């Protein structure tokens, strides 16, 4: 069986791990909130524009355009050329 010191160390490690998990959960929630806000801003900015204008205005290379077209083609029928 563990000694009193070992139990105390384990309790401290457990408390530290719980604090770390709480910190990560908070950071994750903040990141998701920021991503959702960015998505909403981009949806407002891009609504009603043809895909070709979005592609030219937002992406710099041909490869990125092709990749973007492929992703959007499979993601949502509302984003078409």
C-alpha atoms as a PDB file:
ATOM      1  CA  UNK A   1       0.000   0.000   0.000  1.00  0.00           C
ATOM      2  CA  UNK A   2       1.196   3.569  -0.704  1.00  0.00           C
ATOM      3  CA  UNK A   3       2.629   5.726   2.024  1.00  0.00           C
ATOM      4  CA  UNK A   4       1.077   9.032   3.120  1.00  0.00           C
ATOM      5  CA  UNK A   5       3.579  11.001   1.048  1.00  0.00           C
ATOM      6  CA  UNK A   6       2.844   8.978  -2.083  1.00  0.00           C
ATOM      7  CA  UNK A   7      -0.894   9.479  -1.645  1.00  0.00           C
ATOM      8  CA  UNK A   8      -0.357  13.206  -1.150  1.00  0.00           C
ATOM      9  CA  UNK A   9       1.756  13.382  -4.329  1.00  0.00           C
ATOM     10  CA  UNK A  10      -0.863  11.469  -6.281  1.00  0.00           C
ATOM     11  CA  UNK A  11      -3.587  13.825  -5.042  1.00  0.00           C
ATOM     12  CA  UNK A  12      -1.510  16.825  -6.135  1.00  0.00           C
ATOM     13  CA  UNK A  13      -0.928  15.265  -9.552  1.00  0.00           C
ATOM     14  CA  UNK A  14      -4.628  14.548  -9.886  1.00  0.00           C
ATOM     15  CA  UNK A  15      -5.506  18.138  -8.980  1.00  0.00           C
ATOM     16  CA  UNK A  16      -2.936  19.420 -11.473  1.00  0.00           C
ATOM     17  CA  UNK A  17      -4.328  17.160 -14.197  1.00  0.00           C
ATOM     18  CA  UNK A  18      -7.865  18.371 -13.501  1.00  0.00           C
ATOM     19  CA  UNK A  19      -6.722  22.001 -13.748  1.00  0.00           C
ATOM     20  CA  UNK A  20      -4.980  21.226 -17.040  1.00  0.00           C
ATOM     21  CA  UNK A  21      -8.102  19.576 -18.439  1.00  0.00           C
ATOM     22  CA  UNK A  22     -10.231  22.541 -17.393  1.00  0.00           C
ATOM     23  CA  UNK A  23      -7.774  24.917 -19.078  1.00  0.00           C
ATOM     24  CA  UNK A  24      -7.822  22.863 -22.295  1.00  0.00           C
ATOM     25  CA  UNK A  25     -11.628  22.702 -22.278  1.00  0.00           C
ATOM     26  CA  UNK A  26     -11.802  26.488 -21.885  1.00  0.00           C
ATOM     27  CA  UNK A  27      -9.290  27.044 -24.693  1.00  0.00           C
ATOM     28  CA  UNK A  28     -11.158  24.578 -26.926  1.00  0.00           C
ATOM     29  CA  UNK A  29     -14.458  26.368 -26.296  1.00  0.00           C
ATOM     30  CA  UNK A  30     -12.860  29.741 -27.076  1.00  0.00           C
ATOM     31  CA  UNK A  31     -11.349  28.378 -30.283  1.00  0.00           C
ATOM     32  CA  UNK A  32     -14.663  26.911 -31.410  1.00  0.00           C
ATOM     33  CA  UNK A  33     -16.476  30.157 -30.603  1.00  0.00           C
ATOM     34  CA  UNK A  34     -13.949  32.106 -32.684  1.00  0.00           C
ATOM     35  CA  UNK A  35     -14.227  29.675 -35.585  1.00  0.00           C
ATOM     36  CA  UNK A  36     -18.015  29.860 -35.561  1.00  0.00           C
ATOM     37  CA  UNK A  37     -17.835  33.674 -35.596  1.00  0.00           C
ATOM     38  CA  UNK A  38     -15.394  33.591 -38.502  1.00  0.00           C
ATOM     39  CA  UNK A  39     -17.640  31.182 -40.426  1.00  0.00           C
ATOM     40  CA  UNK A  40     -20.641  33.473 -39.886  1.00  0.00           C
ATOM     41  CA  UNK A  41     -18.655  36.496 -41.090  1.00  0.00           C
ATOM     42  CA  UNK A  42     -17.509  34.644 -44.206  1.00  0.00           C
ATOM     43  CA  UNK A  43     -21.035  33.404 -44.902  1.00  0.00           C
ATOM     44  CA  UNK A  44     -22.352  36.982 -44.716  1.00  0.00           C
ATOM     45  CA  UNK A  45     -19.487  38.250 -46.888  1.00  0.00           C
ATOM     46  CA  UNK A  46     -19.903  35.514 -49.499  1.00  0.00           C
ATOM     47  CA  UNK A  47     -23.668  35.101 -49.660  1.00  0.00           C
ATOM     48  CA  UNK A  48     -25.090  35.762 -53.086  1.00  0.00           C
ATOM     49  CA  UNK A  49     -21.721  35.856 -54.864  1.00  0.00           C
ATOM     50  CA  UNK A  50     -20.965  33.389 -57.637  1.00  0.00           C
ATOM     51  CA  UNK A  51     -18.318  30.810 -56.789  1.00  0.00           C
ATOM     52  CA  UNK A  52     -15.925  32.048 -59.479  1.00  0.00           C
ATOM     53  CA  UNK A  53     -15.766  35.499 -57.854  1.00  0.00           C
ATOM     54  CA  UNK A  54     -15.178  33.960 -54.439  1.00  0.00           C
ATOM     55  CA  UNK A  55     -12.436  31.771 -55.822  1.00  0.00           C
ATOM     56  CA  UNK A  56     -10.612  34.648 -57.523  1.00  0.00           C
ATOM     57  CA  UNK A  57     -11.055  36.992 -54.584  1.00  0.00           C
ATOM     58  CA  UNK A  58     -10.139  34.644 -51.749  1.00  0.00           C
ATOM     59  CA  UNK A  59      -7.570  32.195 -53.112  1.00  0.00           C
ATOM     60  CA  UNK A  60      -4.221  32.969 -54.661  1.00  0.00           C
ATOM     61  CA  UNK A  61      -3.060  29.853 -56.470  1.00  0.00           C
ATOM     62  CA  UNK A  62      -4.650  27.611 -59.086  1.00  0.00           C
ATOM     63  CA  UNK A  63      -4.064  24.546 -56.924  1.00  0.00           C
ATOM     64  CA  UNK A  64      -5.958  26.174 -54.064  1.00  0.00           C
ATOM     65  CA  UNK A  65      -8.814  27.034 -56.421  1.00  0.00           C
ATOM     66  CA  UNK A  66      -9.043  23.450 -57.664  1.00  0.00           C
ATOM     67  CA  UNK A  67      -8.880  22.122 -54.116  1.00  0.00           C
ATOM     68  CA  UNK A  68     -11.534  24.604 -52.991  1.00  0.00           C
ATOM     69  CA  UNK A  69     -13.826  23.683 -55.886  1.00  0.00           C
ATOM     70  CA  UNK A  70     -13.515  19.985 -55.093  1.00  0.00           C
ATOM     71  CA  UNK A  71     -14.178  20.499 -51.394  1.00  0.00           C
ATOM     72  CA  UNK A  72     -17.190  22.700 -51.980  1.00  0.00           C
ATOM     73  CA  UNK A  73     -18.600  20.403 -54.651  1.00  0.00           C
ATOM     74  CA  UNK A  74     -18.675  17.544 -52.145  1.00  0.00           C
ATOM     75  CA  UNK A  75     -19.632  19.631 -49.110  1.00  0.00           C
ATOM     76  CA  UNK A  76     -22.760  21.453 -50.178  1.00  0.00           C
ATOM     77  CA  UNK A  77     -24.927  21.645 -53.282  1.00  0.00           C
ATOM     78  CA  UNK A  78     -25.543  25.373 -52.615  1.00  0.00           C
ATOM     79  CA  UNK A  79     -21.926  26.212 -53.501  1.00  0.00           C
ATOM     80  CA  UNK A  80     -21.714  25.630 -57.203  1.00  0.00           C
ATOM     81  CA  UNK A  81     -20.041  27.451 -60.051  1.00  0.00           C
END
